[in-house]
N, C-alpha and C. Protein backbone atom coordinates (compact mmCIF):
# COMPACT_ATOMS: atom_id res chain seq x y z
N UNK A 1 103.50 84.17 92.08
CA UNK A 1 103.20 85.35 91.26
C UNK A 1 102.25 86.31 92.00
N UNK A 2 101.39 85.75 92.83
CA UNK A 2 100.44 86.59 93.53
C UNK A 2 101.14 87.55 94.48
N UNK A 3 102.27 87.10 95.08
CA UNK A 3 103.00 87.98 95.98
C UNK A 3 103.53 89.21 95.26
N UNK A 4 103.97 89.05 94.00
CA UNK A 4 104.45 90.19 93.22
C UNK A 4 103.31 91.18 92.96
N UNK A 5 102.13 90.68 92.75
CA UNK A 5 100.96 91.55 92.56
C UNK A 5 100.70 92.35 93.83
N UNK A 6 100.83 91.71 94.98
CA UNK A 6 100.62 92.40 96.24
C UNK A 6 101.65 93.51 96.44
N UNK A 7 102.91 93.18 96.14
CA UNK A 7 103.98 94.17 96.27
C UNK A 7 103.73 95.35 95.34
N UNK A 8 103.25 95.07 94.14
CA UNK A 8 102.96 96.13 93.18
C UNK A 8 101.86 97.04 93.70
N UNK A 9 100.87 96.48 94.35
CA UNK A 9 99.79 97.29 94.91
C UNK A 9 100.32 98.22 96.00
N UNK A 10 101.21 97.70 96.85
CA UNK A 10 101.79 98.52 97.91
C UNK A 10 102.63 99.65 97.32
N UNK A 11 103.39 99.34 96.26
CA UNK A 11 104.21 100.37 95.61
C UNK A 11 103.34 101.45 94.98
N UNK A 12 102.24 101.06 94.37
CA UNK A 12 101.32 102.04 93.78
C UNK A 12 100.75 102.95 94.86
N UNK A 13 100.39 102.36 96.00
CA UNK A 13 99.85 103.16 97.10
C UNK A 13 100.89 104.15 97.61
N UNK A 14 102.13 103.68 97.78
CA UNK A 14 103.19 104.55 98.27
C UNK A 14 103.47 105.68 97.28
N UNK A 15 103.44 105.37 95.99
CA UNK A 15 103.69 106.37 94.96
C UNK A 15 102.61 107.45 94.97
N UNK A 16 101.36 107.04 95.00
CA UNK A 16 100.28 108.02 95.00
C UNK A 16 100.25 108.80 96.31
N UNK A 17 100.48 108.11 97.43
CA UNK A 17 100.53 108.81 98.71
C UNK A 17 101.65 109.84 98.74
N UNK A 18 102.80 109.48 98.18
CA UNK A 18 103.91 110.42 98.11
C UNK A 18 103.58 111.62 97.23
N UNK A 19 102.82 111.40 96.17
CA UNK A 19 102.41 112.51 95.30
C UNK A 19 101.51 113.49 96.02
N UNK A 20 100.57 112.96 96.79
CA UNK A 20 99.70 113.83 97.59
C UNK A 20 100.52 114.56 98.64
N UNK A 21 101.44 113.85 99.27
CA UNK A 21 102.27 114.47 100.30
C UNK A 21 103.22 115.52 99.74
N UNK A 22 103.66 115.35 98.50
CA UNK A 22 104.56 116.34 97.89
C UNK A 22 103.88 117.70 97.77
N UNK A 23 102.59 117.69 97.41
CA UNK A 23 101.86 118.95 97.31
C UNK A 23 101.78 119.61 98.68
N UNK A 24 101.50 118.83 99.72
CA UNK A 24 101.44 119.38 101.07
C UNK A 24 102.81 119.90 101.51
N UNK A 25 103.87 119.14 101.17
CA UNK A 25 105.23 119.55 101.52
C UNK A 25 105.60 120.87 100.84
N UNK A 26 105.18 121.04 99.60
CA UNK A 26 105.48 122.27 98.86
C UNK A 26 104.81 123.49 99.47
N UNK A 27 103.77 123.25 100.26
CA UNK A 27 103.08 124.35 100.95
C UNK A 27 103.52 124.47 102.41
N UNK A 28 104.60 123.76 102.75
CA UNK A 28 105.17 123.80 104.11
C UNK A 28 104.14 123.38 105.16
N UNK A 29 103.35 122.36 104.84
CA UNK A 29 102.35 121.86 105.77
C UNK A 29 102.96 120.86 106.74
N UNK A 30 102.16 120.53 107.76
CA UNK A 30 102.68 119.72 108.85
C UNK A 30 103.06 118.31 108.40
N UNK A 31 102.23 117.70 107.60
CA UNK A 31 102.48 116.34 107.11
C UNK A 31 102.85 116.41 105.63
N UNK A 32 103.97 115.76 105.28
CA UNK A 32 104.45 115.85 103.91
C UNK A 32 104.56 114.51 103.22
N UNK A 33 105.61 114.35 102.44
CA UNK A 33 105.78 113.18 101.58
C UNK A 33 105.84 111.90 102.40
N UNK A 34 106.69 111.86 103.40
CA UNK A 34 106.86 110.63 104.18
C UNK A 34 105.57 110.20 104.86
N UNK A 35 104.90 111.15 105.50
CA UNK A 35 103.67 110.80 106.22
C UNK A 35 102.62 110.22 105.30
N UNK A 36 102.35 110.92 104.19
CA UNK A 36 101.31 110.47 103.27
C UNK A 36 101.68 109.14 102.61
N UNK A 37 102.93 108.99 102.23
CA UNK A 37 103.35 107.74 101.58
C UNK A 37 103.23 106.56 102.55
N UNK A 38 103.64 106.77 103.80
CA UNK A 38 103.57 105.69 104.79
C UNK A 38 102.12 105.34 105.11
N UNK A 39 101.26 106.37 105.22
CA UNK A 39 99.85 106.11 105.51
C UNK A 39 99.22 105.29 104.39
N UNK A 40 99.45 105.70 103.14
CA UNK A 40 98.87 104.97 102.01
C UNK A 40 99.41 103.55 101.92
N UNK A 41 100.72 103.40 102.13
CA UNK A 41 101.34 102.08 102.07
C UNK A 41 100.82 101.17 103.19
N UNK A 42 100.70 101.74 104.38
CA UNK A 42 100.18 100.95 105.50
C UNK A 42 98.74 100.53 105.29
N UNK A 43 97.94 101.45 104.74
CA UNK A 43 96.54 101.12 104.47
C UNK A 43 96.44 100.00 103.43
N UNK A 44 97.28 100.07 102.41
CA UNK A 44 97.27 99.02 101.38
C UNK A 44 97.66 97.68 101.98
N UNK A 45 98.65 97.69 102.86
CA UNK A 45 99.08 96.45 103.50
C UNK A 45 97.96 95.86 104.36
N UNK A 46 97.28 96.72 105.12
CA UNK A 46 96.18 96.24 105.96
C UNK A 46 95.08 95.62 105.09
N UNK A 47 94.79 96.27 103.96
CA UNK A 47 93.77 95.72 103.08
C UNK A 47 94.18 94.36 102.53
N UNK A 48 95.44 94.22 102.18
CA UNK A 48 95.93 92.93 101.67
C UNK A 48 95.83 91.84 102.74
N UNK A 49 96.22 92.20 103.95
CA UNK A 49 96.13 91.23 105.05
C UNK A 49 94.66 90.86 105.30
N UNK A 50 93.82 91.89 105.25
CA UNK A 50 92.40 91.65 105.50
C UNK A 50 91.79 90.73 104.46
N UNK A 51 92.22 90.91 103.19
CA UNK A 51 91.63 90.11 102.11
C UNK A 51 92.22 88.71 101.99
N UNK A 52 93.55 88.62 102.18
CA UNK A 52 94.23 87.37 101.87
C UNK A 52 94.90 86.70 103.06
N UNK A 53 94.93 87.39 104.20
CA UNK A 53 95.67 86.85 105.34
C UNK A 53 94.90 85.83 106.15
N UNK A 54 93.61 85.70 105.91
CA UNK A 54 92.81 84.80 106.73
C UNK A 54 92.00 83.82 105.88
N UNK A 55 92.57 83.47 104.72
CA UNK A 55 91.86 82.54 103.83
C UNK A 55 91.72 81.15 104.44
N UNK A 56 92.57 80.85 105.43
CA UNK A 56 92.50 79.53 106.05
C UNK A 56 91.54 79.49 107.23
N UNK A 57 90.90 80.62 107.48
CA UNK A 57 89.96 80.70 108.59
C UNK A 57 88.55 80.96 108.04
N UNK A 58 87.65 80.10 108.37
CA UNK A 58 86.27 80.27 107.92
C UNK A 58 85.32 80.07 109.09
N UNK A 59 84.28 80.92 109.18
CA UNK A 59 84.00 82.05 108.30
C UNK A 59 84.93 83.23 108.62
N UNK A 60 85.14 84.08 107.66
CA UNK A 60 86.02 85.22 107.85
C UNK A 60 85.28 86.53 107.61
N UNK A 61 85.92 87.63 107.96
CA UNK A 61 85.34 88.96 107.77
C UNK A 61 86.41 89.85 107.16
N UNK A 62 86.55 89.88 105.83
CA UNK A 62 87.62 90.63 105.18
C UNK A 62 87.53 92.14 105.37
N UNK A 63 86.41 92.63 105.81
CA UNK A 63 86.26 94.09 105.96
C UNK A 63 86.65 94.58 107.34
N UNK A 64 86.88 93.65 108.29
CA UNK A 64 87.09 94.08 109.67
C UNK A 64 88.35 94.91 109.85
N UNK A 65 89.48 94.44 109.36
CA UNK A 65 90.73 95.19 109.49
C UNK A 65 90.69 96.49 108.70
N UNK A 66 90.18 96.42 107.48
CA UNK A 66 90.13 97.62 106.63
C UNK A 66 89.29 98.71 107.28
N UNK A 67 88.22 98.33 107.96
CA UNK A 67 87.36 99.33 108.60
C UNK A 67 88.10 100.08 109.70
N UNK A 68 89.04 99.41 110.34
CA UNK A 68 89.79 100.06 111.43
C UNK A 68 90.75 101.11 110.91
N UNK A 69 91.16 101.00 109.65
CA UNK A 69 92.07 102.00 109.08
C UNK A 69 91.37 103.36 109.03
N UNK A 70 90.13 103.37 108.58
CA UNK A 70 89.39 104.61 108.41
C UNK A 70 89.27 105.36 109.74
N UNK A 71 88.94 104.63 110.81
CA UNK A 71 88.81 105.27 112.13
C UNK A 71 90.17 105.54 112.76
N UNK A 72 91.11 104.64 112.54
CA UNK A 72 92.44 104.80 113.14
C UNK A 72 93.19 105.99 112.62
N UNK A 73 93.12 106.23 111.32
CA UNK A 73 93.83 107.37 110.73
C UNK A 73 93.23 108.68 111.22
N UNK A 74 92.00 108.64 111.69
CA UNK A 74 91.39 109.84 112.22
C UNK A 74 92.16 110.41 113.39
N UNK A 75 92.78 109.55 114.20
CA UNK A 75 93.59 110.02 115.32
C UNK A 75 94.85 110.73 114.82
N UNK A 76 95.40 110.23 113.72
CA UNK A 76 96.57 110.88 113.14
C UNK A 76 96.21 112.26 112.62
N UNK A 77 95.06 112.35 111.95
CA UNK A 77 94.61 113.64 111.45
C UNK A 77 94.31 114.62 112.56
N UNK A 78 93.77 114.11 113.67
CA UNK A 78 93.45 115.00 114.79
C UNK A 78 94.70 115.65 115.36
N UNK A 79 95.83 114.96 115.26
CA UNK A 79 97.08 115.52 115.76
C UNK A 79 97.61 116.66 114.91
N UNK A 80 97.09 116.80 113.69
CA UNK A 80 97.56 117.84 112.78
C UNK A 80 96.72 119.10 112.89
N UNK A 81 95.46 118.93 113.34
CA UNK A 81 94.56 120.06 113.45
C UNK A 81 94.85 120.81 114.75
N UNK A 82 95.00 122.11 114.66
CA UNK A 82 95.22 122.91 115.86
C UNK A 82 94.62 124.29 115.66
N UNK A 83 94.41 124.98 116.76
CA UNK A 83 93.82 126.31 116.73
C UNK A 83 94.89 127.33 117.10
N UNK A 84 95.02 128.34 116.26
CA UNK A 84 96.00 129.40 116.52
C UNK A 84 95.33 130.73 116.23
N UNK A 85 95.29 131.61 117.24
CA UNK A 85 94.65 132.91 117.10
C UNK A 85 93.21 132.77 116.64
N UNK A 86 92.50 131.81 117.24
CA UNK A 86 91.09 131.55 116.94
C UNK A 86 90.85 131.11 115.51
N UNK A 87 91.88 130.62 114.85
CA UNK A 87 91.76 130.12 113.48
C UNK A 87 92.14 128.65 113.48
N UNK A 88 91.26 127.82 112.94
CA UNK A 88 91.53 126.38 112.86
C UNK A 88 92.43 126.12 111.66
N UNK A 89 93.55 125.46 111.90
CA UNK A 89 94.49 125.15 110.83
C UNK A 89 94.75 123.65 110.77
N UNK A 90 95.09 123.17 109.59
CA UNK A 90 95.44 121.77 109.41
C UNK A 90 94.30 120.89 108.96
N UNK A 91 93.12 121.48 108.75
CA UNK A 91 91.95 120.68 108.37
C UNK A 91 92.17 120.00 107.01
N UNK A 92 92.68 120.78 106.04
CA UNK A 92 92.86 120.22 104.69
C UNK A 92 93.88 119.09 104.70
N UNK A 93 94.97 119.28 105.44
CA UNK A 93 96.00 118.24 105.51
C UNK A 93 95.45 116.99 106.20
N UNK A 94 94.69 117.19 107.28
CA UNK A 94 94.11 116.05 107.98
C UNK A 94 93.13 115.30 107.08
N UNK A 95 92.30 116.04 106.36
CA UNK A 95 91.37 115.40 105.43
C UNK A 95 92.11 114.67 104.33
N UNK A 96 93.24 115.26 103.89
CA UNK A 96 94.05 114.62 102.86
C UNK A 96 94.65 113.31 103.33
N UNK A 97 95.11 113.28 104.58
CA UNK A 97 95.68 112.04 105.13
C UNK A 97 94.59 110.97 105.23
N UNK A 98 93.42 111.37 105.68
CA UNK A 98 92.31 110.42 105.81
C UNK A 98 91.95 109.83 104.44
N UNK A 99 91.88 110.71 103.42
CA UNK A 99 91.55 110.24 102.07
C UNK A 99 92.71 109.42 101.48
N UNK A 100 93.94 109.79 101.83
CA UNK A 100 95.10 109.02 101.36
C UNK A 100 95.05 107.60 101.88
N UNK A 101 94.57 107.42 103.10
CA UNK A 101 94.43 106.06 103.63
C UNK A 101 93.40 105.28 102.82
N UNK A 102 92.35 105.96 102.37
CA UNK A 102 91.34 105.30 101.54
C UNK A 102 91.91 104.94 100.17
N UNK A 103 92.79 105.81 99.66
CA UNK A 103 93.46 105.51 98.40
C UNK A 103 94.32 104.26 98.56
N UNK A 104 95.01 104.17 99.69
CA UNK A 104 95.81 102.98 99.96
C UNK A 104 94.96 101.73 100.04
N UNK A 105 93.79 101.83 100.66
CA UNK A 105 92.88 100.69 100.73
C UNK A 105 92.44 100.27 99.33
N UNK A 106 92.19 101.24 98.47
CA UNK A 106 91.77 100.93 97.11
C UNK A 106 92.85 100.15 96.36
N UNK A 107 94.10 100.59 96.49
CA UNK A 107 95.20 99.88 95.83
C UNK A 107 95.37 98.48 96.44
N UNK A 108 95.23 98.40 97.75
CA UNK A 108 95.35 97.10 98.40
C UNK A 108 94.30 96.12 97.92
N UNK A 109 93.13 96.66 97.56
CA UNK A 109 92.05 95.82 97.07
C UNK A 109 92.19 95.52 95.57
N UNK A 110 93.20 96.12 94.93
CA UNK A 110 93.40 95.90 93.50
C UNK A 110 92.57 96.81 92.62
N UNK A 111 91.98 97.86 93.18
CA UNK A 111 91.15 98.80 92.42
C UNK A 111 92.02 99.97 91.97
N UNK A 112 92.87 99.69 90.98
CA UNK A 112 93.88 100.65 90.54
C UNK A 112 93.26 101.94 89.99
N UNK A 113 92.26 101.79 89.12
CA UNK A 113 91.65 102.97 88.52
C UNK A 113 91.07 103.90 89.58
N UNK A 114 90.38 103.31 90.54
CA UNK A 114 89.78 104.11 91.61
C UNK A 114 90.85 104.78 92.46
N UNK A 115 91.92 104.06 92.77
CA UNK A 115 92.98 104.63 93.58
C UNK A 115 93.69 105.78 92.91
N UNK A 116 94.06 105.59 91.64
CA UNK A 116 94.76 106.66 90.92
C UNK A 116 93.84 107.85 90.69
N UNK A 117 92.59 107.60 90.33
CA UNK A 117 91.66 108.71 90.07
C UNK A 117 91.44 109.54 91.32
N UNK A 118 91.20 108.88 92.44
CA UNK A 118 90.96 109.60 93.69
C UNK A 118 92.21 110.36 94.13
N UNK A 119 93.37 109.72 94.02
CA UNK A 119 94.61 110.38 94.41
C UNK A 119 94.89 111.62 93.59
N UNK A 120 94.70 111.52 92.29
CA UNK A 120 94.93 112.68 91.42
C UNK A 120 93.93 113.78 91.71
N UNK A 121 92.69 113.42 91.98
CA UNK A 121 91.68 114.42 92.32
C UNK A 121 92.03 115.14 93.63
N UNK A 122 92.56 114.41 94.59
CA UNK A 122 92.98 115.05 95.85
C UNK A 122 94.06 116.09 95.58
N UNK A 123 95.05 115.73 94.76
CA UNK A 123 96.13 116.67 94.43
C UNK A 123 95.58 117.90 93.72
N UNK A 124 94.70 117.67 92.74
CA UNK A 124 94.13 118.79 91.97
C UNK A 124 93.35 119.74 92.89
N UNK A 125 92.52 119.16 93.77
CA UNK A 125 91.73 119.99 94.68
C UNK A 125 92.63 120.79 95.61
N UNK A 126 93.65 120.13 96.16
CA UNK A 126 94.56 120.82 97.07
C UNK A 126 95.26 121.99 96.36
N UNK A 127 95.75 121.74 95.15
CA UNK A 127 96.49 122.77 94.42
C UNK A 127 95.58 123.92 94.02
N UNK A 128 94.42 123.59 93.45
CA UNK A 128 93.53 124.63 92.95
C UNK A 128 93.04 125.54 94.06
N UNK A 129 92.57 124.96 95.15
CA UNK A 129 91.98 125.78 96.20
C UNK A 129 93.04 126.43 97.08
N UNK A 130 94.25 125.87 97.11
CA UNK A 130 95.34 126.53 97.82
C UNK A 130 95.69 127.83 97.11
N UNK A 131 95.76 127.79 95.79
CA UNK A 131 96.07 129.00 95.02
C UNK A 131 94.94 130.01 95.12
N UNK A 132 93.69 129.52 95.07
CA UNK A 132 92.55 130.42 95.16
C UNK A 132 92.53 131.14 96.50
N UNK A 133 92.83 130.40 97.56
CA UNK A 133 92.82 131.00 98.89
C UNK A 133 93.94 132.02 99.08
N UNK A 134 94.99 131.89 98.25
CA UNK A 134 96.15 132.78 98.40
C UNK A 134 96.00 134.07 97.61
N UNK A 135 95.01 134.12 96.70
CA UNK A 135 94.86 135.31 95.87
C UNK A 135 94.49 136.50 96.73
N UNK A 136 95.18 137.60 96.52
CA UNK A 136 94.87 138.82 97.24
C UNK A 136 95.37 138.84 98.67
N UNK A 137 96.07 137.81 99.10
CA UNK A 137 96.59 137.77 100.46
C UNK A 137 98.08 138.11 100.43
N UNK A 138 98.46 139.08 101.20
CA UNK A 138 99.86 139.50 101.25
C UNK A 138 100.62 138.59 102.19
N UNK A 139 101.61 137.91 101.66
CA UNK A 139 102.43 137.01 102.47
C UNK A 139 103.80 137.64 102.66
N UNK A 140 104.24 137.73 103.88
CA UNK A 140 105.53 138.30 104.20
C UNK A 140 106.49 137.20 104.64
N UNK A 141 107.59 137.08 103.91
CA UNK A 141 108.63 136.11 104.26
C UNK A 141 109.81 136.85 104.87
N UNK A 142 110.41 136.26 105.86
CA UNK A 142 111.58 136.89 106.46
C UNK A 142 112.53 135.83 107.03
N UNK A 143 113.74 136.25 107.22
CA UNK A 143 114.74 135.38 107.82
C UNK A 143 115.28 136.06 109.06
N UNK A 144 115.34 135.29 110.14
CA UNK A 144 115.81 135.81 111.42
C UNK A 144 117.07 135.07 111.85
N UNK A 145 117.99 135.80 112.41
CA UNK A 145 119.20 135.19 112.98
C UNK A 145 119.18 135.47 114.47
N UNK A 146 119.03 134.42 115.25
CA UNK A 146 118.80 134.54 116.69
C UNK A 146 119.96 133.91 117.45
N UNK A 147 120.58 134.67 118.32
CA UNK A 147 121.66 134.17 119.17
C UNK A 147 121.05 133.69 120.48
N UNK A 148 121.35 132.45 120.84
CA UNK A 148 120.68 131.80 121.97
C UNK A 148 121.73 131.24 122.92
N UNK A 149 121.42 131.29 124.19
CA UNK A 149 122.32 130.71 125.19
C UNK A 149 122.31 129.19 125.09
N UNK A 150 123.29 128.52 125.66
CA UNK A 150 123.35 127.05 125.56
C UNK A 150 122.11 126.35 126.12
N UNK A 151 121.41 127.01 127.05
CA UNK A 151 120.22 126.38 127.64
C UNK A 151 118.98 126.48 126.76
N UNK A 152 119.02 127.34 125.74
CA UNK A 152 117.85 127.53 124.89
C UNK A 152 117.66 126.38 123.92
N UNK A 153 116.48 126.32 123.29
CA UNK A 153 116.19 125.23 122.36
C UNK A 153 115.44 125.77 121.15
N UNK A 154 115.55 125.03 120.05
CA UNK A 154 114.84 125.39 118.83
C UNK A 154 113.33 125.32 119.06
N UNK A 155 112.89 124.33 119.84
CA UNK A 155 111.46 124.16 120.09
C UNK A 155 110.86 125.39 120.78
N UNK A 156 111.61 125.98 121.72
CA UNK A 156 111.10 127.16 122.42
C UNK A 156 110.90 128.32 121.46
N UNK A 157 111.86 128.53 120.56
CA UNK A 157 111.77 129.63 119.61
C UNK A 157 110.64 129.38 118.61
N UNK A 158 110.56 128.15 118.11
CA UNK A 158 109.51 127.81 117.14
C UNK A 158 108.14 127.99 117.75
N UNK A 159 107.99 127.57 119.01
CA UNK A 159 106.70 127.70 119.69
C UNK A 159 106.33 129.18 119.88
N UNK A 160 107.31 130.00 120.22
CA UNK A 160 107.05 131.42 120.41
C UNK A 160 106.62 132.07 119.10
N UNK A 161 107.33 131.77 118.01
CA UNK A 161 106.98 132.34 116.71
C UNK A 161 105.58 131.91 116.27
N UNK A 162 105.24 130.65 116.54
CA UNK A 162 103.89 130.16 116.19
C UNK A 162 102.83 130.93 116.97
N UNK A 163 103.10 131.20 118.24
CA UNK A 163 102.14 131.94 119.06
C UNK A 163 101.94 133.37 118.54
N UNK A 164 102.95 133.89 117.86
CA UNK A 164 102.85 135.24 117.30
C UNK A 164 102.25 135.25 115.90
N UNK A 165 101.87 134.06 115.39
CA UNK A 165 101.23 133.99 114.08
C UNK A 165 102.16 133.76 112.91
N UNK A 166 103.39 133.33 113.19
CA UNK A 166 104.35 133.07 112.12
C UNK A 166 104.48 131.56 111.88
N UNK A 167 104.70 131.20 110.63
CA UNK A 167 104.90 129.81 110.26
C UNK A 167 106.37 129.60 109.95
N UNK A 168 107.01 128.69 110.66
CA UNK A 168 108.43 128.40 110.46
C UNK A 168 108.58 127.41 109.31
N UNK A 169 109.35 127.78 108.30
CA UNK A 169 109.56 126.91 107.14
C UNK A 169 110.95 126.29 107.10
N UNK A 170 111.84 126.74 107.96
CA UNK A 170 113.18 126.17 107.95
C UNK A 170 114.02 126.68 109.10
N UNK A 171 114.84 125.80 109.67
CA UNK A 171 115.74 126.17 110.74
C UNK A 171 117.15 125.68 110.41
N UNK A 172 118.14 126.50 110.70
CA UNK A 172 119.54 126.11 110.52
C UNK A 172 120.35 126.58 111.72
N UNK A 173 121.12 125.66 112.27
CA UNK A 173 122.01 126.01 113.37
C UNK A 173 123.37 126.35 112.77
N UNK A 174 123.76 127.60 112.90
CA UNK A 174 125.01 128.05 112.27
C UNK A 174 126.23 127.77 113.14
N UNK A 175 126.04 127.77 114.45
CA UNK A 175 127.16 127.48 115.32
C UNK A 175 126.63 126.88 116.61
N UNK A 176 127.23 125.82 117.04
CA UNK A 176 126.82 125.21 118.30
C UNK A 176 128.05 124.66 118.99
N UNK A 177 128.50 125.36 120.02
CA UNK A 177 129.69 124.95 120.76
C UNK A 177 129.35 124.85 122.24
N UNK A 178 129.96 123.92 122.92
CA UNK A 178 129.68 123.70 124.34
C UNK A 178 130.05 124.92 125.16
N UNK A 179 129.13 125.29 126.06
CA UNK A 179 129.32 126.42 126.99
C UNK A 179 129.43 127.75 126.26
N UNK A 180 128.96 127.84 125.03
CA UNK A 180 128.97 129.11 124.30
C UNK A 180 127.62 129.31 123.66
N UNK A 181 127.29 130.59 123.40
CA UNK A 181 126.04 130.88 122.71
C UNK A 181 126.06 130.27 121.31
N UNK A 182 124.88 129.93 120.83
CA UNK A 182 124.79 129.38 119.48
C UNK A 182 123.78 130.18 118.68
N UNK A 183 123.84 130.04 117.37
CA UNK A 183 123.04 130.87 116.48
C UNK A 183 122.03 130.02 115.71
N UNK A 184 120.79 130.46 115.74
CA UNK A 184 119.73 129.81 114.98
C UNK A 184 119.29 130.75 113.86
N UNK A 185 119.35 130.27 112.64
CA UNK A 185 118.85 131.04 111.51
C UNK A 185 117.54 130.39 111.08
N UNK A 186 116.45 131.12 111.14
CA UNK A 186 115.14 130.55 110.87
C UNK A 186 114.39 131.35 109.82
N UNK A 187 113.71 130.65 108.93
CA UNK A 187 112.87 131.27 107.90
C UNK A 187 111.42 131.17 108.34
N UNK A 188 110.72 132.28 108.29
CA UNK A 188 109.31 132.30 108.70
C UNK A 188 108.50 133.09 107.68
N UNK A 189 107.19 132.88 107.71
CA UNK A 189 106.31 133.73 106.92
C UNK A 189 105.02 133.98 107.69
N UNK A 190 104.32 135.03 107.30
CA UNK A 190 103.06 135.36 107.92
C UNK A 190 102.15 135.98 106.86
N UNK A 191 100.85 135.78 107.01
CA UNK A 191 99.88 136.38 106.08
C UNK A 191 99.13 137.52 106.76
N UNK A 192 99.62 137.94 107.89
CA UNK A 192 99.01 139.08 108.57
C UNK A 192 99.96 140.27 108.48
N UNK A 193 99.50 141.41 108.92
CA UNK A 193 100.34 142.60 108.94
C UNK A 193 101.49 142.38 109.91
N UNK A 194 102.72 142.53 109.43
CA UNK A 194 103.88 142.21 110.27
C UNK A 194 104.67 143.46 110.60
N UNK A 195 105.32 143.41 111.74
CA UNK A 195 106.20 144.48 112.19
C UNK A 195 107.51 143.83 112.61
N UNK A 196 108.44 143.68 111.65
CA UNK A 196 109.68 142.94 111.92
C UNK A 196 110.46 143.45 113.12
N UNK A 197 110.58 144.77 113.27
CA UNK A 197 111.38 145.30 114.37
C UNK A 197 110.71 145.02 115.72
N UNK A 198 109.37 145.04 115.71
CA UNK A 198 108.65 144.71 116.95
C UNK A 198 108.87 143.25 117.32
N UNK A 199 108.86 142.37 116.31
CA UNK A 199 109.13 140.95 116.55
C UNK A 199 110.54 140.77 117.08
N UNK A 200 111.47 141.52 116.52
CA UNK A 200 112.87 141.41 116.97
C UNK A 200 112.99 141.74 118.45
N UNK A 201 112.34 142.81 118.88
CA UNK A 201 112.46 143.19 120.30
C UNK A 201 111.76 142.18 121.20
N UNK A 202 110.69 141.60 120.73
CA UNK A 202 110.00 140.58 121.51
C UNK A 202 110.89 139.35 121.69
N UNK A 203 111.64 139.02 120.65
CA UNK A 203 112.56 137.88 120.75
C UNK A 203 113.68 138.18 121.73
N UNK A 204 114.23 139.38 121.66
CA UNK A 204 115.34 139.75 122.54
C UNK A 204 114.92 139.70 124.01
N UNK A 205 113.66 140.00 124.28
CA UNK A 205 113.19 140.01 125.66
C UNK A 205 112.98 138.61 126.22
N UNK A 206 113.04 137.60 125.36
CA UNK A 206 112.87 136.22 125.83
C UNK A 206 114.07 135.76 126.66
N UNK A 207 113.79 134.92 127.64
CA UNK A 207 114.89 134.30 128.37
C UNK A 207 115.68 133.42 127.41
N UNK A 208 116.97 133.36 127.59
CA UNK A 208 117.86 132.51 126.81
C UNK A 208 118.09 133.00 125.39
N UNK A 209 117.55 134.18 125.04
CA UNK A 209 117.85 134.79 123.75
C UNK A 209 118.76 135.99 124.00
N UNK A 210 119.94 135.96 123.40
CA UNK A 210 120.93 137.02 123.58
C UNK A 210 120.68 138.17 122.62
N UNK A 211 120.41 137.82 121.36
CA UNK A 211 120.22 138.85 120.34
C UNK A 211 119.38 138.27 119.21
N UNK A 212 118.72 139.14 118.45
CA UNK A 212 117.93 138.73 117.29
C UNK A 212 118.15 139.74 116.19
N UNK A 213 118.36 139.24 115.00
CA UNK A 213 118.67 140.10 113.86
C UNK A 213 117.74 139.76 112.71
N UNK A 214 117.12 140.80 112.16
CA UNK A 214 116.24 140.65 111.02
C UNK A 214 117.08 140.76 109.74
N UNK A 215 117.09 139.70 108.93
CA UNK A 215 118.00 139.66 107.79
C UNK A 215 117.35 140.16 106.50
N UNK A 216 116.23 139.54 106.12
CA UNK A 216 115.63 139.94 104.85
C UNK A 216 114.14 139.71 104.88
N UNK A 217 113.44 140.33 103.93
CA UNK A 217 111.98 140.19 103.85
C UNK A 217 111.54 140.40 102.42
N UNK A 218 110.49 139.68 102.03
CA UNK A 218 109.90 139.91 100.73
C UNK A 218 108.42 139.57 100.81
N UNK A 219 107.60 140.24 100.04
CA UNK A 219 106.15 140.03 100.07
C UNK A 219 105.71 139.36 98.81
N UNK A 220 104.75 138.47 98.95
CA UNK A 220 104.20 137.75 97.83
C UNK A 220 102.70 137.95 97.81
N UNK A 221 102.11 138.18 96.65
CA UNK A 221 100.67 138.31 96.56
C UNK A 221 100.04 137.02 96.20
């Protein structure tokens, strides 16, 4: 019966981690549902191993493995933080992943109330302050259709758009045939003053880009 309790703890951690990740996913952030759910689930598993995996060894240190989760997840968060145009981005998501690992540890330890309360608070804080930060900020969404030579790649285009201050929220390859140009349809947004036609000409001047077409745009306050 104890094994079922352990499985239930892992499921609770995955559920709460997925909830935190869903909010990040809805904001088109770097780490979403899968990342947060896996981090929370893994943390819960480590806590279970730490508490119950060494009962046959005495003396033991049940906190040793759990302590490594807190520092280890820091490396994962560091990979999400980056600087673009002298602006640090990804801090909130990285902090969320770090706290999600702590939520997983709480569930692994059987502290359900603490895990659920902390997880819900993380979601509330992310949602409330995300909306507050967006007030009064003009967001421009647009869709671009880019014709690329066979040697070009989605990564090159995405990297270029990021360098120009645009956030890519979706990519679709409309046609991809051997030895022929292919078409990338990409959705982007920016919170700075945008000049779509200027961006179009910058794309056309890139190597391996044959043509770029600006399809649609809308602004959100």
